[in-house]
Amino acid sequence: MNVVFLDVARRKERAATLNAWSPAEMGELTRLYLAKREQGGAAGFAYGETDQRDPQFYVLNSTGTEPCTACVSRLIRDSRRWYVIEDGQGNIQVEGGCLRTVVGRLCGYWSLMRHTLAAALALIGQQCVSDGPFSENLAAIVNCLSAIG
């Protein structure tokens, strides 16, 4: 006859439940995956865990040279949840205490960079073809770029 120690079984079940991603977190992880896929940098995703059994989410690429394009880890820092997003080489891209904010910063960063760069190039082109001293054109470019960012 097998004896099951209920207290031990409950602790194991509770620990496994605590390490799982919540539905709200899953929504944000999906948003990150879809943003990466839209950029052409994702072909799939997978779940895993750190050596300390903290949950991880991997955004996978179809190329064999760089199979992971992003990794999200949920850690505990000062008794609170702390989210870290790394690129495929282990470099930290963004981190913080709110997954929605962290994913938003990462997704918004690329969108903001793309729009800012396009606006800056258009502005520089416009100022380069206008008449006037270079210093005035440069001042106008700097003022407009400050307003964008």
Foldseek 3Di string as FASTA:
>chain_A
DDDDDVVVVVVVVVVVVVQDDDPVLVVLLVVLLVLCVVVVNADDKDWDADPVRHIKIFGAGPDPVQGTQKMWTWDADPNATKIFIAGSVRHTPFIDRDSNVRSCCVSVVVVLVVVLVVVLVVLLVVLVPDDDDPVVSVVVSVVVSVVSD
